[in-house]
């Protein structure tokens, strides 16, 4: 009986709130980057478009962002593919031409992410804390 329960519990996918939160930020940041690279525009006109972030990078960003991230790689890959197919910001009628707190936060997030990759290695918790502080400090 215990062996059956153990086998069943191992097969269940894990997902916690931190994973959803971080994956949401990453998906929105990916959408912003795709807009900057004019990915969605070029895709509509059937011209070749470059994706600024690979699927592997996206998965690594979420899983390496800090905190306790319990999420399936397959689930993150599906989010990545969905963001490539659907422009989340346009779908939600978000105006990318106007300055906003969301775009400011995503840009700062992207800057922090670049700086932590090039500078001395930080722990995942330090990277996430830096992101939160730098993204919200000016808004306080």
C-alpha atoms as a PDB file:
ATOM      1  CA  UNK A   1       0.000   0.000   0.000  1.00  0.00           C
ATOM      2  CA  UNK A   2       2.743   2.515   0.979  1.00  0.00           C
ATOM      3  CA  UNK A   3       4.708   1.696  -2.160  1.00  0.00           C
ATOM      4  CA  UNK A   4       1.635   2.447  -4.298  1.00  0.00           C
ATOM      5  CA  UNK A   5       1.076   5.778  -2.566  1.00  0.00           C
ATOM      6  CA  UNK A   6       4.755   6.682  -2.983  1.00  0.00           C
ATOM      7  CA  UNK A   7       4.646   5.849  -6.701  1.00  0.00           C
ATOM      8  CA  UNK A   8       1.497   7.886  -7.210  1.00  0.00           C
ATOM      9  CA  UNK A   9       2.818  10.946  -5.372  1.00  0.00           C
ATOM     10  CA  UNK A  10       6.032  10.983  -7.419  1.00  0.00           C
ATOM     11  CA  UNK A  11       4.037  11.137 -10.628  1.00  0.00           C
ATOM     12  CA  UNK A  12       2.052  14.216  -9.577  1.00  0.00           C
ATOM     13  CA  UNK A  13       3.334  17.502 -11.029  1.00  0.00           C
ATOM     14  CA  UNK A  14       4.480  20.099  -8.531  1.00  0.00           C
ATOM     15  CA  UNK A  15       3.539  23.742  -8.773  1.00  0.00           C
ATOM     16  CA  UNK A  16       3.628  26.370  -6.072  1.00  0.00           C
ATOM     17  CA  UNK A  17       2.573  30.021  -5.942  1.00  0.00           C
ATOM     18  CA  UNK A  18       6.146  31.325  -6.286  1.00  0.00           C
ATOM     19  CA  UNK A  19       6.504  29.389  -9.533  1.00  0.00           C
ATOM     20  CA  UNK A  20       3.343  30.904 -10.960  1.00  0.00           C
ATOM     21  CA  UNK A  21       4.407  34.395  -9.845  1.00  0.00           C
ATOM     22  CA  UNK A  22       7.902  34.159 -11.332  1.00  0.00           C
ATOM     23  CA  UNK A  23       6.668  32.482 -14.528  1.00  0.00           C
ATOM     24  CA  UNK A  24       4.136  35.297 -14.964  1.00  0.00           C
ATOM     25  CA  UNK A  25       6.843  37.962 -14.670  1.00  0.00           C
ATOM     26  CA  UNK A  26       9.056  36.061 -17.076  1.00  0.00           C
ATOM     27  CA  UNK A  27       6.215  35.612 -19.578  1.00  0.00           C
ATOM     28  CA  UNK A  28       5.411  39.330 -19.455  1.00  0.00           C
ATOM     29  CA  UNK A  29       9.095  40.212 -19.837  1.00  0.00           C
ATOM     30  CA  UNK A  30       9.386  37.821 -22.776  1.00  0.00           C
ATOM     31  CA  UNK A  31       6.348  39.483 -24.363  1.00  0.00           C
ATOM     32  CA  UNK A  32       7.963  42.899 -23.876  1.00  0.00           C
ATOM     33  CA  UNK A  33      11.201  41.679 -25.455  1.00  0.00           C
ATOM     34  CA  UNK A  34       9.308  40.176 -28.382  1.00  0.00           C
ATOM     35  CA  UNK A  35       7.615  43.550 -28.916  1.00  0.00           C
ATOM     36  CA  UNK A  36      10.988  45.308 -28.893  1.00  0.00           C
ATOM     37  CA  UNK A  37      12.304  42.845 -31.474  1.00  0.00           C
ATOM     38  CA  UNK A  38       9.097  43.385 -33.511  1.00  0.00           C
ATOM     39  CA  UNK A  39       8.500  39.646 -33.435  1.00  0.00           C
ATOM     40  CA  UNK A  40       4.708  39.838 -33.467  1.00  0.00           C
ATOM     41  CA  UNK A  41       4.639  42.413 -36.283  1.00  0.00           C
ATOM     42  CA  UNK A  42       7.003  40.446 -38.508  1.00  0.00           C
ATOM     43  CA  UNK A  43       5.130  37.232 -37.802  1.00  0.00           C
ATOM     44  CA  UNK A  44       1.872  38.783 -39.040  1.00  0.00           C
ATOM     45  CA  UNK A  45       3.557  39.874 -42.265  1.00  0.00           C
ATOM     46  CA  UNK A  46       5.086  36.401 -42.717  1.00  0.00           C
ATOM     47  CA  UNK A  47       8.627  37.745 -42.681  1.00  0.00           C
ATOM     48  CA  UNK A  48      11.397  36.096 -40.743  1.00  0.00           C
ATOM     49  CA  UNK A  49      11.673  37.163 -37.136  1.00  0.00           C
ATOM     50  CA  UNK A  50      14.289  36.570 -34.511  1.00  0.00           C
ATOM     51  CA  UNK A  51      13.320  35.393 -31.054  1.00  0.00           C
ATOM     52  CA  UNK A  52      15.451  37.296 -28.511  1.00  0.00           C
ATOM     53  CA  UNK A  53      15.176  34.600 -25.832  1.00  0.00           C
ATOM     54  CA  UNK A  54      15.461  30.870 -26.388  1.00  0.00           C
ATOM     55  CA  UNK A  55      13.188  28.338 -24.750  1.00  0.00           C
ATOM     56  CA  UNK A  56      16.111  27.002 -22.709  1.00  0.00           C
ATOM     57  CA  UNK A  57      16.953  30.521 -21.456  1.00  0.00           C
ATOM     58  CA  UNK A  58      13.348  31.125 -20.445  1.00  0.00           C
ATOM     59  CA  UNK A  59      13.199  27.870 -18.478  1.00  0.00           C
ATOM     60  CA  UNK A  60      16.553  28.624 -16.849  1.00  0.00           C
ATOM     61  CA  UNK A  61      15.435  32.141 -15.860  1.00  0.00           C
ATOM     62  CA  UNK A  62      12.355  30.843 -14.079  1.00  0.00           C
ATOM     63  CA  UNK A  63      14.039  27.912 -12.394  1.00  0.00           C
ATOM     64  CA  UNK A  64      17.095  29.955 -11.408  1.00  0.00           C
ATOM     65  CA  UNK A  65      15.281  33.068 -10.243  1.00  0.00           C
ATOM     66  CA  UNK A  66      15.414  32.309  -6.531  1.00  0.00           C
ATOM     67  CA  UNK A  67      13.088  31.097  -3.873  1.00  0.00           C
ATOM     68  CA  UNK A  68      11.471  27.718  -3.842  1.00  0.00           C
ATOM     69  CA  UNK A  69      10.469  27.123  -7.449  1.00  0.00           C
ATOM     70  CA  UNK A  70       8.536  23.898  -7.891  1.00  0.00           C
ATOM     71  CA  UNK A  71       7.549  23.692 -11.516  1.00  0.00           C
ATOM     72  CA  UNK A  72       7.797  21.280 -14.389  1.00  0.00           C
ATOM     73  CA  UNK A  73      10.153  22.105 -17.253  1.00  0.00           C
ATOM     74  CA  UNK A  74       7.458  20.910 -19.663  1.00  0.00           C
ATOM     75  CA  UNK A  75       4.974  23.413 -18.175  1.00  0.00           C
ATOM     76  CA  UNK A  76       7.492  26.259 -18.620  1.00  0.00           C
ATOM     77  CA  UNK A  77       8.189  25.194 -22.191  1.00  0.00           C
ATOM     78  CA  UNK A  78       4.464  25.308 -22.898  1.00  0.00           C
ATOM     79  CA  UNK A  79       4.253  28.831 -21.457  1.00  0.00           C
ATOM     80  CA  UNK A  80       7.156  29.877 -23.679  1.00  0.00           C
ATOM     81  CA  UNK A  81       5.469  28.491 -26.795  1.00  0.00           C
ATOM     82  CA  UNK A  82       2.173  30.125 -25.816  1.00  0.00           C
ATOM     83  CA  UNK A  83       3.842  33.526 -25.456  1.00  0.00           C
ATOM     84  CA  UNK A  84       5.381  33.114 -28.909  1.00  0.00           C
ATOM     85  CA  UNK A  85       1.936  32.347 -30.331  1.00  0.00           C
ATOM     86  CA  UNK A  86      -0.116  34.914 -28.419  1.00  0.00           C
ATOM     87  CA  UNK A  87       0.831  38.525 -27.703  1.00  0.00           C
ATOM     88  CA  UNK A  88      -0.298  38.775 -24.087  1.00  0.00           C
ATOM     89  CA  UNK A  89      -0.043  42.558 -23.865  1.00  0.00           C
ATOM     90  CA  UNK A  90      -2.040  43.234 -27.033  1.00  0.00           C
ATOM     91  CA  UNK A  91      -4.563  40.565 -26.093  1.00  0.00           C
ATOM     92  CA  UNK A  92      -5.158  42.388 -22.812  1.00  0.00           C
ATOM     93  CA  UNK A  93      -5.447  45.692 -24.757  1.00  0.00           C
ATOM     94  CA  UNK A  94      -2.329  47.042 -23.075  1.00  0.00           C
ATOM     95  CA  UNK A  95      -0.924  50.157 -24.742  1.00  0.00           C
ATOM     96  CA  UNK A  96       2.809  49.656 -25.201  1.00  0.00           C
ATOM     97  CA  UNK A  97       3.285  53.225 -26.462  1.00  0.00           C
ATOM     98  CA  UNK A  98       2.423  54.827 -23.123  1.00  0.00           C
ATOM     99  CA  UNK A  99       4.844  54.804 -20.188  1.00  0.00           C
ATOM    100  CA  UNK A 100       3.585  52.664 -17.349  1.00  0.00           C
ATOM    101  CA  UNK A 101       4.598  51.116 -14.078  1.00  0.00           C
ATOM    102  CA  UNK A 102       4.406  47.622 -15.573  1.00  0.00           C
ATOM    103  CA  UNK A 103       6.758  48.407 -18.451  1.00  0.00           C
ATOM    104  CA  UNK A 104       9.110  50.244 -16.102  1.00  0.00           C
ATOM    105  CA  UNK A 105       9.181  47.264 -13.750  1.00  0.00           C
ATOM    106  CA  UNK A 106       9.798  44.820 -16.588  1.00  0.00           C
ATOM    107  CA  UNK A 107      12.632  46.957 -17.993  1.00  0.00           C
ATOM    108  CA  UNK A 108      14.274  47.200 -14.570  1.00  0.00           C
ATOM    109  CA  UNK A 109      13.813  43.483 -14.125  1.00  0.00           C
ATOM    110  CA  UNK A 110      15.583  42.897 -17.409  1.00  0.00           C
ATOM    111  CA  UNK A 111      18.459  45.212 -16.399  1.00  0.00           C
ATOM    112  CA  UNK A 112      18.890  43.477 -13.054  1.00  0.00           C
ATOM    113  CA  UNK A 113      18.847  40.125 -14.770  1.00  0.00           C
ATOM    114  CA  UNK A 114      21.613  41.208 -17.177  1.00  0.00           C
ATOM    115  CA  UNK A 115      23.736  42.725 -14.421  1.00  0.00           C
ATOM    116  CA  UNK A 116      23.535  39.636 -12.232  1.00  0.00           C
ATOM    117  CA  UNK A 117      24.555  37.422 -15.121  1.00  0.00           C
ATOM    118  CA  UNK A 118      27.669  39.493 -15.869  1.00  0.00           C
ATOM    119  CA  UNK A 119      28.760  40.412 -12.338  1.00  0.00           C
ATOM    120  CA  UNK A 120      29.814  38.271  -9.411  1.00  0.00           C
ATOM    121  CA  UNK A 121      27.480  35.346  -8.855  1.00  0.00           C
ATOM    122  CA  UNK A 122      24.646  35.966  -6.436  1.00  0.00           C
ATOM    123  CA  UNK A 123      22.526  33.393  -4.724  1.00  0.00           C
ATOM    124  CA  UNK A 124      19.051  32.939  -6.191  1.00  0.00           C
ATOM    125  CA  UNK A 125      17.505  34.639  -3.170  1.00  0.00           C
ATOM    126  CA  UNK A 126      19.816  37.646  -3.570  1.00  0.00           C
ATOM    127  CA  UNK A 127      18.906  37.959  -7.264  1.00  0.00           C
ATOM    128  CA  UNK A 128      15.200  37.861  -6.508  1.00  0.00           C
ATOM    129  CA  UNK A 129      15.537  40.368  -3.649  1.00  0.00           C
ATOM    130  CA  UNK A 130      17.516  42.704  -5.903  1.00  0.00           C
ATOM    131  CA  UNK A 131      14.821  42.442  -8.555  1.00  0.00           C
ATOM    132  CA  UNK A 132      12.020  43.246  -6.132  1.00  0.00           C
ATOM    133  CA  UNK A 133      13.834  46.189  -4.555  1.00  0.00           C
ATOM    134  CA  UNK A 134      15.025  47.739  -7.798  1.00  0.00           C
ATOM    135  CA  UNK A 135      11.638  47.338  -9.435  1.00  0.00           C
ATOM    136  CA  UNK A 136       9.573  48.842  -6.681  1.00  0.00           C
ATOM    137  CA  UNK A 137      11.879  51.311  -4.911  1.00  0.00           C
ATOM    138  CA  UNK A 138      10.978  54.328  -7.086  1.00  0.00           C
ATOM    139  CA  UNK A 139       7.272  53.592  -6.754  1.00  0.00           C
ATOM    140  CA  UNK A 140       7.344  53.722  -2.935  1.00  0.00           C
END
